[in-house]
Amino acid sequence: MLLESLSGLAAQAVNEGRYDTMLWLDPGKDSNLSSPYQNILERSLAALALESPVRLSLDEVVRKLKRDGIIRGYILYDSSDASVNTATLYAALFKGVLIEKSQETWAKRMGLRQLKDVGKESVIEVFRKYKKRLNNGSVLSIGPESHNLRDYAIAQKMMLYYNEYESIDEILEWV
């Protein structure tokens, strides 16, 4: 989730004209996705007339995005519950990377400050409080275990939910 939030925040800054660099998340050589992603990467580099991407470690990316003002800190969540969706909304709004509780020591070592501990706050509470700052052009239903599209949700400041049955009408009427 941390990588997706870094990618999403960089893309959000590009969308807003505050930055000119995007992040490519490499699935790794051992992934069954590496071949299709490699093809997409090669076509993207050609279309953008780029020779090759710059490869950075996670620490290097965090230091760069922090130095460049793209990330302001971190949003703390607990992977044992569904709080990552709430954290994803806050990440988009507060420019914070997603940090699972087990990663908090690393985040502090990187010089990041906690912007929000989502605790038991629900997605619908965040929606009601901040919907004027969210993009009502679309909404994403995403399970807390899903990594894919989380970067896109952050980049676009999308409302997201999962199993929010009691609130779905309120959310969908807003879109």
N, C-alpha and C. Protein backbone atom coordinates (compact mmCIF):
# COMPACT_ATOMS: atom_id res chain seq x y z
N MET A 1 0.82 -1.20 0.00
CA MET A 1 0.00 0.00 0.00
C MET A 1 0.87 1.27 0.00
N LEU A 2 2.01 1.16 0.66
CA LEU A 2 2.94 2.29 0.69
C LEU A 2 3.36 2.70 -0.71
N LEU A 3 3.74 1.73 -1.53
CA LEU A 3 4.17 2.04 -2.91
C LEU A 3 3.05 2.67 -3.71
N GLU A 4 1.84 2.13 -3.57
CA GLU A 4 0.71 2.68 -4.31
C GLU A 4 0.44 4.12 -3.88
N SER A 5 0.59 4.41 -2.60
CA SER A 5 0.34 5.79 -2.15
C SER A 5 1.41 6.73 -2.68
N LEU A 6 2.66 6.28 -2.73
CA LEU A 6 3.72 7.13 -3.31
C LEU A 6 3.43 7.43 -4.78
N SER A 7 3.06 6.40 -5.51
CA SER A 7 2.74 6.57 -6.93
C SER A 7 1.54 7.50 -7.10
N GLY A 8 0.52 7.30 -6.30
CA GLY A 8 -0.69 8.11 -6.39
C GLY A 8 -0.44 9.57 -6.06
N LEU A 9 0.37 9.83 -5.05
CA LEU A 9 0.65 11.21 -4.67
C LEU A 9 1.51 11.93 -5.72
N ALA A 10 2.45 11.20 -6.33
CA ALA A 10 3.23 11.80 -7.42
C ALA A 10 2.31 12.13 -8.59
N ALA A 11 1.41 11.20 -8.94
CA ALA A 11 0.47 11.43 -10.05
C ALA A 11 -0.48 12.58 -9.73
N GLN A 12 -0.94 12.66 -8.49
CA GLN A 12 -1.82 13.75 -8.10
C GLN A 12 -1.11 15.09 -8.29
N ALA A 13 0.16 15.16 -7.90
CA ALA A 13 0.92 16.40 -8.07
C ALA A 13 1.10 16.74 -9.54
N VAL A 14 1.32 15.74 -10.39
CA VAL A 14 1.42 15.97 -11.84
C VAL A 14 0.07 16.48 -12.36
N ASN A 15 -1.02 15.84 -11.94
CA ASN A 15 -2.36 16.28 -12.37
C ASN A 15 -2.62 17.74 -12.00
N GLU A 16 -2.11 18.15 -10.86
CA GLU A 16 -2.34 19.51 -10.37
C GLU A 16 -1.28 20.51 -10.85
N GLY A 17 -0.34 20.04 -11.68
CA GLY A 17 0.69 20.92 -12.22
C GLY A 17 1.77 21.29 -11.22
N ARG A 18 1.89 20.55 -10.12
CA ARG A 18 2.90 20.84 -9.11
C ARG A 18 4.16 20.00 -9.26
N TYR A 19 4.17 19.06 -10.21
CA TYR A 19 5.29 18.13 -10.34
C TYR A 19 5.35 17.63 -11.77
N ASP A 20 6.51 17.09 -12.15
CA ASP A 20 6.65 16.61 -13.52
C ASP A 20 7.19 15.18 -13.60
N THR A 21 7.08 14.44 -12.50
CA THR A 21 7.63 13.09 -12.46
C THR A 21 6.59 12.09 -11.97
N MET A 22 6.48 10.99 -12.70
CA MET A 22 5.57 9.92 -12.30
C MET A 22 6.40 8.74 -11.80
N LEU A 23 5.77 7.86 -11.04
CA LEU A 23 6.44 6.66 -10.54
C LEU A 23 5.90 5.44 -11.25
N TRP A 24 6.79 4.54 -11.62
CA TRP A 24 6.42 3.26 -12.23
C TRP A 24 6.70 2.20 -11.19
N LEU A 25 5.68 1.43 -10.83
CA LEU A 25 5.86 0.37 -9.85
C LEU A 25 6.23 -0.91 -10.57
N ASP A 26 7.44 -1.35 -10.38
CA ASP A 26 7.96 -2.55 -11.04
C ASP A 26 7.49 -3.78 -10.27
N PRO A 27 6.76 -4.70 -10.94
CA PRO A 27 6.26 -5.88 -10.24
C PRO A 27 7.35 -6.90 -9.92
N GLY A 28 8.55 -6.71 -10.43
CA GLY A 28 9.65 -7.62 -10.14
C GLY A 28 9.76 -8.73 -11.17
N LYS A 29 10.95 -9.25 -11.31
CA LYS A 29 11.21 -10.28 -12.31
C LYS A 29 10.50 -11.59 -12.04
N ASP A 30 10.23 -11.89 -10.77
CA ASP A 30 9.60 -13.16 -10.41
C ASP A 30 8.08 -13.12 -10.52
N SER A 31 7.52 -11.97 -10.78
CA SER A 31 6.08 -11.82 -10.85
C SER A 31 5.55 -12.36 -12.18
N ASN A 32 4.35 -12.96 -12.13
CA ASN A 32 3.73 -13.40 -13.37
C ASN A 32 3.22 -12.21 -14.18
N LEU A 33 3.33 -11.02 -13.62
CA LEU A 33 2.92 -9.80 -14.33
C LEU A 33 4.08 -9.12 -15.03
N SER A 34 5.31 -9.60 -14.81
CA SER A 34 6.46 -8.85 -15.30
C SER A 34 6.48 -8.73 -16.82
N SER A 35 6.06 -9.75 -17.55
CA SER A 35 6.09 -9.67 -19.01
C SER A 35 5.11 -8.63 -19.56
N PRO A 36 3.83 -8.66 -19.16
CA PRO A 36 2.92 -7.61 -19.65
C PRO A 36 3.35 -6.21 -19.22
N TYR A 37 3.80 -6.06 -17.99
CA TYR A 37 4.24 -4.76 -17.52
C TYR A 37 5.48 -4.27 -18.27
N GLN A 38 6.37 -5.19 -18.57
CA GLN A 38 7.57 -4.81 -19.33
C GLN A 38 7.17 -4.27 -20.70
N ASN A 39 6.21 -4.90 -21.34
CA ASN A 39 5.71 -4.45 -22.64
C ASN A 39 5.11 -3.04 -22.52
N ILE A 40 4.29 -2.83 -21.51
CA ILE A 40 3.67 -1.51 -21.30
C ILE A 40 4.75 -0.47 -21.01
N LEU A 41 5.71 -0.84 -20.18
CA LEU A 41 6.80 0.09 -19.86
C LEU A 41 7.57 0.49 -21.11
N GLU A 42 7.93 -0.48 -21.92
CA GLU A 42 8.69 -0.19 -23.14
C GLU A 42 7.90 0.71 -24.09
N ARG A 43 6.61 0.44 -24.26
CA ARG A 43 5.78 1.28 -25.13
C ARG A 43 5.64 2.69 -24.55
N SER A 44 5.49 2.79 -23.23
CA SER A 44 5.37 4.10 -22.59
C SER A 44 6.64 4.91 -22.75
N LEU A 45 7.79 4.27 -22.53
CA LEU A 45 9.06 4.97 -22.70
C LEU A 45 9.23 5.48 -24.12
N ALA A 46 8.85 4.65 -25.09
CA ALA A 46 8.95 5.05 -26.49
C ALA A 46 8.01 6.23 -26.78
N ALA A 47 6.78 6.15 -26.29
CA ALA A 47 5.80 7.21 -26.56
C ALA A 47 6.22 8.53 -25.94
N LEU A 48 6.90 8.46 -24.80
CA LEU A 48 7.35 9.67 -24.11
C LEU A 48 8.75 10.10 -24.52
N ALA A 49 9.35 9.34 -25.44
CA ALA A 49 10.71 9.61 -25.91
C ALA A 49 11.72 9.63 -24.77
N LEU A 50 11.57 8.67 -23.86
CA LEU A 50 12.50 8.52 -22.75
C LEU A 50 13.39 7.31 -23.02
N GLU A 51 14.65 7.44 -22.68
CA GLU A 51 15.57 6.34 -22.94
C GLU A 51 15.39 5.21 -21.93
N SER A 52 15.39 5.55 -20.67
CA SER A 52 15.18 4.53 -19.64
C SER A 52 14.77 5.19 -18.34
N PRO A 53 14.04 4.47 -17.54
CA PRO A 53 13.62 5.06 -16.25
C PRO A 53 14.79 5.09 -15.28
N VAL A 54 14.69 5.95 -14.31
CA VAL A 54 15.65 6.01 -13.22
C VAL A 54 15.12 5.07 -12.13
N ARG A 55 15.93 4.13 -11.72
CA ARG A 55 15.51 3.18 -10.68
C ARG A 55 15.99 3.68 -9.32
N LEU A 56 15.05 3.76 -8.40
CA LEU A 56 15.35 4.24 -7.05
C LEU A 56 14.86 3.22 -6.03
N SER A 57 15.53 3.17 -4.90
CA SER A 57 15.06 2.34 -3.79
C SER A 57 13.86 3.04 -3.15
N LEU A 58 13.16 2.31 -2.32
CA LEU A 58 12.02 2.89 -1.60
C LEU A 58 12.47 4.10 -0.78
N ASP A 59 13.56 3.96 -0.05
CA ASP A 59 14.05 5.07 0.76
C ASP A 59 14.38 6.29 -0.10
N GLU A 60 14.99 6.06 -1.26
CA GLU A 60 15.34 7.16 -2.15
C GLU A 60 14.09 7.87 -2.68
N VAL A 61 13.07 7.10 -3.02
CA VAL A 61 11.82 7.69 -3.51
C VAL A 61 11.18 8.54 -2.42
N VAL A 62 11.10 8.00 -1.21
CA VAL A 62 10.49 8.75 -0.12
C VAL A 62 11.26 10.04 0.15
N ARG A 63 12.58 9.95 0.21
CA ARG A 63 13.38 11.16 0.44
C ARG A 63 13.16 12.19 -0.66
N LYS A 64 13.12 11.74 -1.91
CA LYS A 64 12.93 12.66 -3.04
C LYS A 64 11.55 13.32 -2.99
N LEU A 65 10.50 12.53 -2.80
CA LEU A 65 9.15 13.10 -2.78
C LEU A 65 8.93 14.00 -1.57
N LYS A 66 9.57 13.67 -0.46
CA LYS A 66 9.48 14.54 0.72
C LYS A 66 10.21 15.86 0.44
N ARG A 67 11.42 15.77 -0.08
CA ARG A 67 12.23 16.96 -0.40
C ARG A 67 11.50 17.85 -1.42
N ASP A 68 10.83 17.23 -2.38
CA ASP A 68 10.13 17.98 -3.43
C ASP A 68 8.75 18.48 -2.99
N GLY A 69 8.36 18.20 -1.76
CA GLY A 69 7.08 18.70 -1.23
C GLY A 69 5.86 17.93 -1.71
N ILE A 70 6.06 16.74 -2.23
CA ILE A 70 4.93 15.94 -2.74
C ILE A 70 4.25 15.17 -1.61
N ILE A 71 5.02 14.72 -0.64
CA ILE A 71 4.44 14.06 0.53
C ILE A 71 4.72 14.91 1.76
N ARG A 72 3.72 14.98 2.63
CA ARG A 72 3.83 15.80 3.84
C ARG A 72 4.03 14.98 5.10
N GLY A 73 3.79 13.68 5.00
CA GLY A 73 3.87 12.83 6.18
C GLY A 73 3.21 11.50 5.88
N TYR A 74 2.65 10.88 6.93
CA TYR A 74 2.02 9.58 6.71
C TYR A 74 0.68 9.46 7.40
N ILE A 75 -0.11 8.55 6.85
CA ILE A 75 -1.42 8.20 7.39
C ILE A 75 -1.30 6.78 7.94
N LEU A 76 -1.56 6.62 9.22
CA LEU A 76 -1.40 5.33 9.88
C LEU A 76 -2.69 4.52 9.83
N TYR A 77 -2.57 3.25 9.46
CA TYR A 77 -3.72 2.34 9.43
C TYR A 77 -3.31 0.99 9.97
N ASP A 78 -4.30 0.15 10.21
CA ASP A 78 -4.07 -1.19 10.75
C ASP A 78 -4.57 -2.20 9.73
N SER A 79 -3.68 -3.07 9.25
CA SER A 79 -4.07 -4.04 8.22
C SER A 79 -5.01 -5.13 8.74
N SER A 80 -5.22 -5.19 10.05
CA SER A 80 -6.13 -6.21 10.59
C SER A 80 -7.59 -5.80 10.47
N ASP A 81 -7.84 -4.59 10.01
CA ASP A 81 -9.23 -4.16 9.78
C ASP A 81 -9.32 -3.48 8.42
N ALA A 82 -10.42 -2.87 8.12
CA ALA A 82 -10.63 -2.25 6.80
C ALA A 82 -10.19 -0.79 6.77
N SER A 83 -9.39 -0.35 7.74
CA SER A 83 -9.05 1.06 7.85
C SER A 83 -8.18 1.58 6.71
N VAL A 84 -7.64 0.70 5.88
CA VAL A 84 -6.81 1.19 4.76
C VAL A 84 -7.63 2.02 3.78
N ASN A 85 -8.92 1.73 3.63
CA ASN A 85 -9.73 2.55 2.74
C ASN A 85 -9.92 3.95 3.31
N THR A 86 -10.14 4.03 4.60
CA THR A 86 -10.22 5.34 5.24
C THR A 86 -8.88 6.07 5.10
N ALA A 87 -7.79 5.33 5.32
CA ALA A 87 -6.46 5.92 5.19
C ALA A 87 -6.19 6.39 3.77
N THR A 88 -6.69 5.67 2.78
CA THR A 88 -6.49 6.06 1.38
C THR A 88 -7.15 7.40 1.09
N LEU A 89 -8.34 7.61 1.63
CA LEU A 89 -9.01 8.90 1.46
C LEU A 89 -8.17 10.02 2.08
N TYR A 90 -7.70 9.78 3.30
CA TYR A 90 -6.87 10.79 3.96
C TYR A 90 -5.55 11.01 3.21
N ALA A 91 -4.98 9.95 2.66
CA ALA A 91 -3.74 10.09 1.89
C ALA A 91 -3.94 11.08 0.75
N ALA A 92 -5.03 10.93 0.03
CA ALA A 92 -5.33 11.81 -1.09
C ALA A 92 -5.56 13.25 -0.64
N LEU A 93 -6.22 13.42 0.47
CA LEU A 93 -6.57 14.75 0.95
C LEU A 93 -5.43 15.47 1.66
N PHE A 94 -4.63 14.73 2.44
CA PHE A 94 -3.60 15.33 3.28
C PHE A 94 -2.18 15.15 2.74
N LYS A 95 -2.05 14.51 1.56
CA LYS A 95 -0.73 14.27 0.94
C LYS A 95 0.16 13.41 1.82
N GLY A 96 -0.43 12.36 2.38
CA GLY A 96 0.31 11.45 3.25
C GLY A 96 0.43 10.07 2.65
N VAL A 97 1.56 9.42 2.88
CA VAL A 97 1.74 8.06 2.40
C VAL A 97 1.05 7.10 3.36
N LEU A 98 0.62 5.96 2.84
CA LEU A 98 -0.04 4.95 3.65
C LEU A 98 1.02 4.15 4.41
N ILE A 99 0.89 4.14 5.72
CA ILE A 99 1.81 3.40 6.57
C ILE A 99 1.00 2.47 7.48
N GLU A 100 1.28 1.18 7.32
CA GLU A 100 0.66 0.18 8.20
C GLU A 100 1.39 0.25 9.53
N LYS A 101 0.71 -0.08 10.62
CA LYS A 101 1.30 0.07 11.96
C LYS A 101 2.68 -0.57 12.08
N SER A 102 2.89 -1.70 11.42
CA SER A 102 4.19 -2.37 11.51
C SER A 102 5.30 -1.60 10.80
N GLN A 103 4.96 -0.60 9.99
CA GLN A 103 5.94 0.19 9.24
C GLN A 103 6.23 1.54 9.90
N GLU A 104 5.57 1.81 11.01
CA GLU A 104 5.66 3.15 11.59
C GLU A 104 7.08 3.52 12.03
N THR A 105 7.83 2.59 12.57
CA THR A 105 9.21 2.89 12.98
C THR A 105 10.03 3.32 11.78
N TRP A 106 9.87 2.62 10.66
CA TRP A 106 10.57 2.98 9.43
C TRP A 106 10.17 4.39 8.98
N ALA A 107 8.86 4.69 9.01
CA ALA A 107 8.38 6.00 8.58
C ALA A 107 9.00 7.12 9.42
N LYS A 108 9.08 6.90 10.71
CA LYS A 108 9.69 7.91 11.58
C LYS A 108 11.18 8.04 11.29
N ARG A 109 11.85 6.92 11.03
CA ARG A 109 13.27 6.95 10.69
C ARG A 109 13.50 7.74 9.40
N MET A 110 12.52 7.70 8.49
CA MET A 110 12.61 8.45 7.24
C MET A 110 12.30 9.94 7.44
N GLY A 111 11.96 10.32 8.66
CA GLY A 111 11.68 11.72 8.95
C GLY A 111 10.26 12.15 8.61
N LEU A 112 9.38 11.18 8.44
CA LEU A 112 7.98 11.50 8.15
C LEU A 112 7.22 11.71 9.46
N ARG A 113 6.28 12.62 9.44
CA ARG A 113 5.47 12.85 10.64
C ARG A 113 4.07 12.30 10.41
N GLN A 114 3.48 11.85 11.48
CA GLN A 114 2.12 11.30 11.37
C GLN A 114 1.12 12.43 11.15
N LEU A 115 0.36 12.33 10.07
CA LEU A 115 -0.68 13.31 9.77
C LEU A 115 -2.02 12.88 10.34
N LYS A 116 -2.21 11.56 10.39
CA LYS A 116 -3.50 11.04 10.87
C LYS A 116 -3.35 9.57 11.23
N ASP A 117 -3.92 9.18 12.34
CA ASP A 117 -4.11 7.76 12.70
C ASP A 117 -5.59 7.52 12.53
N VAL A 118 -5.95 6.73 11.53
CA VAL A 118 -7.38 6.59 11.21
C VAL A 118 -8.14 5.80 12.25
N GLY A 119 -7.44 5.00 13.05
CA GLY A 119 -8.11 4.25 14.11
C GLY A 119 -9.33 3.53 13.59
N LYS A 120 -10.43 3.77 14.20
CA LYS A 120 -11.69 3.11 13.79
C LYS A 120 -12.60 4.03 12.99
N GLU A 121 -12.07 5.15 12.53
CA GLU A 121 -12.87 6.08 11.73
C GLU A 121 -13.32 5.40 10.44
N SER A 122 -14.55 5.59 10.08
CA SER A 122 -15.10 4.92 8.90
C SER A 122 -14.98 5.77 7.64
N VAL A 123 -15.05 5.10 6.52
CA VAL A 123 -15.03 5.76 5.22
C VAL A 123 -16.16 6.78 5.11
N ILE A 124 -17.33 6.41 5.58
CA ILE A 124 -18.48 7.31 5.44
C ILE A 124 -18.29 8.57 6.30
N GLU A 125 -17.62 8.46 7.44
CA GLU A 125 -17.34 9.65 8.26
C GLU A 125 -16.43 10.61 7.51
N VAL A 126 -15.40 10.07 6.86
CA VAL A 126 -14.49 10.91 6.07
C VAL A 126 -15.24 11.53 4.90
N PHE A 127 -16.06 10.73 4.24
CA PHE A 127 -16.86 11.22 3.11
C PHE A 127 -17.71 12.41 3.54
N ARG A 128 -18.45 12.26 4.62
CA ARG A 128 -19.34 13.32 5.07
C ARG A 128 -18.58 14.58 5.47
N LYS A 129 -17.40 14.40 6.01
CA LYS A 129 -16.61 15.53 6.48
C LYS A 129 -15.89 16.26 5.33
N TYR A 130 -15.44 15.50 4.30
CA TYR A 130 -14.57 16.07 3.28
C TYR A 130 -15.08 15.93 1.85
N LYS A 131 -16.33 15.60 1.64
CA LYS A 131 -16.78 15.32 0.27
C LYS A 131 -16.61 16.50 -0.68
N LYS A 132 -16.58 17.71 -0.17
CA LYS A 132 -16.35 18.86 -1.05
C LYS A 132 -14.94 18.88 -1.62
N ARG A 133 -14.01 18.18 -0.98
CA ARG A 133 -12.62 18.13 -1.46
C ARG A 133 -12.34 16.88 -2.28
N LEU A 134 -13.31 15.97 -2.35
CA LEU A 134 -13.15 14.74 -3.13
C LEU A 134 -13.69 14.94 -4.54
N ASN A 135 -13.27 14.10 -5.45
CA ASN A 135 -13.70 14.13 -6.85
C ASN A 135 -15.00 13.34 -6.98
N ASN A 136 -16.08 14.03 -7.32
CA ASN A 136 -17.36 13.32 -7.45
C ASN A 136 -17.60 12.83 -8.88
N GLY A 137 -16.55 12.74 -9.67
CA GLY A 137 -16.67 12.23 -11.04
C GLY A 137 -16.76 10.71 -11.10
N SER A 138 -16.32 10.05 -10.05
CA SER A 138 -16.40 8.59 -10.01
C SER A 138 -16.18 8.11 -8.59
N VAL A 139 -16.46 6.85 -8.38
CA VAL A 139 -16.31 6.23 -7.08
C VAL A 139 -15.74 4.84 -7.30
N LEU A 140 -14.99 4.32 -6.36
CA LEU A 140 -14.33 3.03 -6.51
C LEU A 140 -14.69 2.12 -5.35
N SER A 141 -15.18 0.94 -5.68
CA SER A 141 -15.42 -0.09 -4.67
C SER A 141 -14.18 -0.99 -4.66
N ILE A 142 -13.46 -0.99 -3.55
CA ILE A 142 -12.20 -1.72 -3.46
C ILE A 142 -12.05 -2.35 -2.09
N GLY A 143 -11.73 -3.63 -2.09
CA GLY A 143 -11.52 -4.35 -0.84
C GLY A 143 -10.24 -3.90 -0.16
N PRO A 144 -10.19 -4.00 1.16
CA PRO A 144 -9.01 -3.53 1.89
C PRO A 144 -7.74 -4.30 1.57
N GLU A 145 -7.86 -5.49 1.00
CA GLU A 145 -6.67 -6.27 0.65
C GLU A 145 -6.14 -5.92 -0.74
N SER A 146 -6.88 -5.16 -1.52
CA SER A 146 -6.50 -4.84 -2.89
C SER A 146 -5.51 -3.70 -2.96
N HIS A 147 -4.46 -3.91 -3.72
CA HIS A 147 -3.47 -2.87 -3.96
C HIS A 147 -3.77 -2.11 -5.26
N ASN A 148 -4.21 -2.85 -6.27
CA ASN A 148 -4.40 -2.23 -7.58
C ASN A 148 -5.48 -1.15 -7.54
N LEU A 149 -5.25 -0.10 -8.24
CA LEU A 149 -6.10 1.08 -8.38
C LEU A 149 -6.08 2.02 -7.18
N ARG A 150 -5.41 1.63 -6.11
CA ARG A 150 -5.33 2.52 -4.95
C ARG A 150 -4.54 3.78 -5.31
N ASP A 151 -3.49 3.63 -6.13
CA ASP A 151 -2.72 4.80 -6.58
C ASP A 151 -3.60 5.72 -7.42
N TYR A 152 -4.42 5.12 -8.27
CA TYR A 152 -5.33 5.91 -9.11
C TYR A 152 -6.35 6.65 -8.24
N ALA A 153 -6.88 5.97 -7.23
CA ALA A 153 -7.85 6.60 -6.32
C ALA A 153 -7.23 7.81 -5.63
N ILE A 154 -5.99 7.68 -5.21
CA ILE A 154 -5.30 8.80 -4.55
C ILE A 154 -5.04 9.92 -5.55
N ALA A 155 -4.55 9.57 -6.72
CA ALA A 155 -4.25 10.58 -7.74
C ALA A 155 -5.48 11.39 -8.11
N GLN A 156 -6.62 10.73 -8.17
CA GLN A 156 -7.86 11.39 -8.60
C GLN A 156 -8.72 11.89 -7.45
N LYS A 157 -8.27 11.68 -6.21
CA LYS A 157 -9.05 12.04 -5.02
C LYS A 157 -10.45 11.42 -5.08
N MET A 158 -10.48 10.15 -5.44
CA MET A 158 -11.74 9.43 -5.60
C MET A 158 -12.29 8.96 -4.26
N MET A 159 -13.59 8.98 -4.16
CA MET A 159 -14.26 8.34 -3.02
C MET A 159 -14.16 6.85 -3.24
N LEU A 160 -13.86 6.11 -2.18
CA LEU A 160 -13.85 4.66 -2.29
C LEU A 160 -14.55 4.06 -1.09
N TYR A 161 -15.01 2.86 -1.27
CA TYR A 161 -15.76 2.18 -0.21
C TYR A 161 -15.66 0.68 -0.43
N TYR A 162 -16.09 -0.07 0.55
CA TYR A 162 -16.18 -1.52 0.44
C TYR A 162 -17.16 -1.99 1.50
N ASN A 163 -18.19 -2.67 1.06
CA ASN A 163 -19.22 -3.19 1.97
C ASN A 163 -19.84 -2.09 2.84
N GLU A 164 -19.99 -0.92 2.30
CA GLU A 164 -20.63 0.19 3.01
C GLU A 164 -22.11 0.21 2.62
N TYR A 165 -22.79 -0.90 2.82
CA TYR A 165 -24.15 -1.06 2.33
C TYR A 165 -25.12 -0.02 2.87
N GLU A 166 -24.97 0.34 4.12
CA GLU A 166 -25.90 1.30 4.71
C GLU A 166 -25.72 2.71 4.15
N SER A 167 -24.59 2.97 3.50
CA SER A 167 -24.29 4.32 3.01
C SER A 167 -24.18 4.41 1.50
N ILE A 168 -24.37 3.30 0.80
CA ILE A 168 -24.12 3.29 -0.64
C ILE A 168 -25.00 4.28 -1.39
N ASP A 169 -26.25 4.42 -1.01
CA ASP A 169 -27.13 5.36 -1.71
C ASP A 169 -26.62 6.79 -1.57
N GLU A 170 -26.20 7.15 -0.38
CA GLU A 170 -25.68 8.50 -0.13
C GLU A 170 -24.45 8.77 -0.99
N ILE A 171 -23.59 7.79 -1.08
CA ILE A 171 -22.35 7.95 -1.88
C ILE A 171 -22.67 8.03 -3.36
N LEU A 172 -23.50 7.13 -3.85
CA LEU A 172 -23.80 7.10 -5.28
C LEU A 172 -24.62 8.29 -5.74
N GLU A 173 -25.49 8.83 -4.89
CA GLU A 173 -26.24 10.04 -5.24
C GLU A 173 -25.31 11.23 -5.40
N TRP A 174 -24.20 11.22 -4.69
CA TRP A 174 -23.22 12.31 -4.75
C TRP A 174 -22.45 12.30 -6.06
N VAL A 175 -22.24 11.11 -6.62
CA VAL A 175 -21.46 10.99 -7.88
C VAL A 175 -22.26 11.55 -9.04
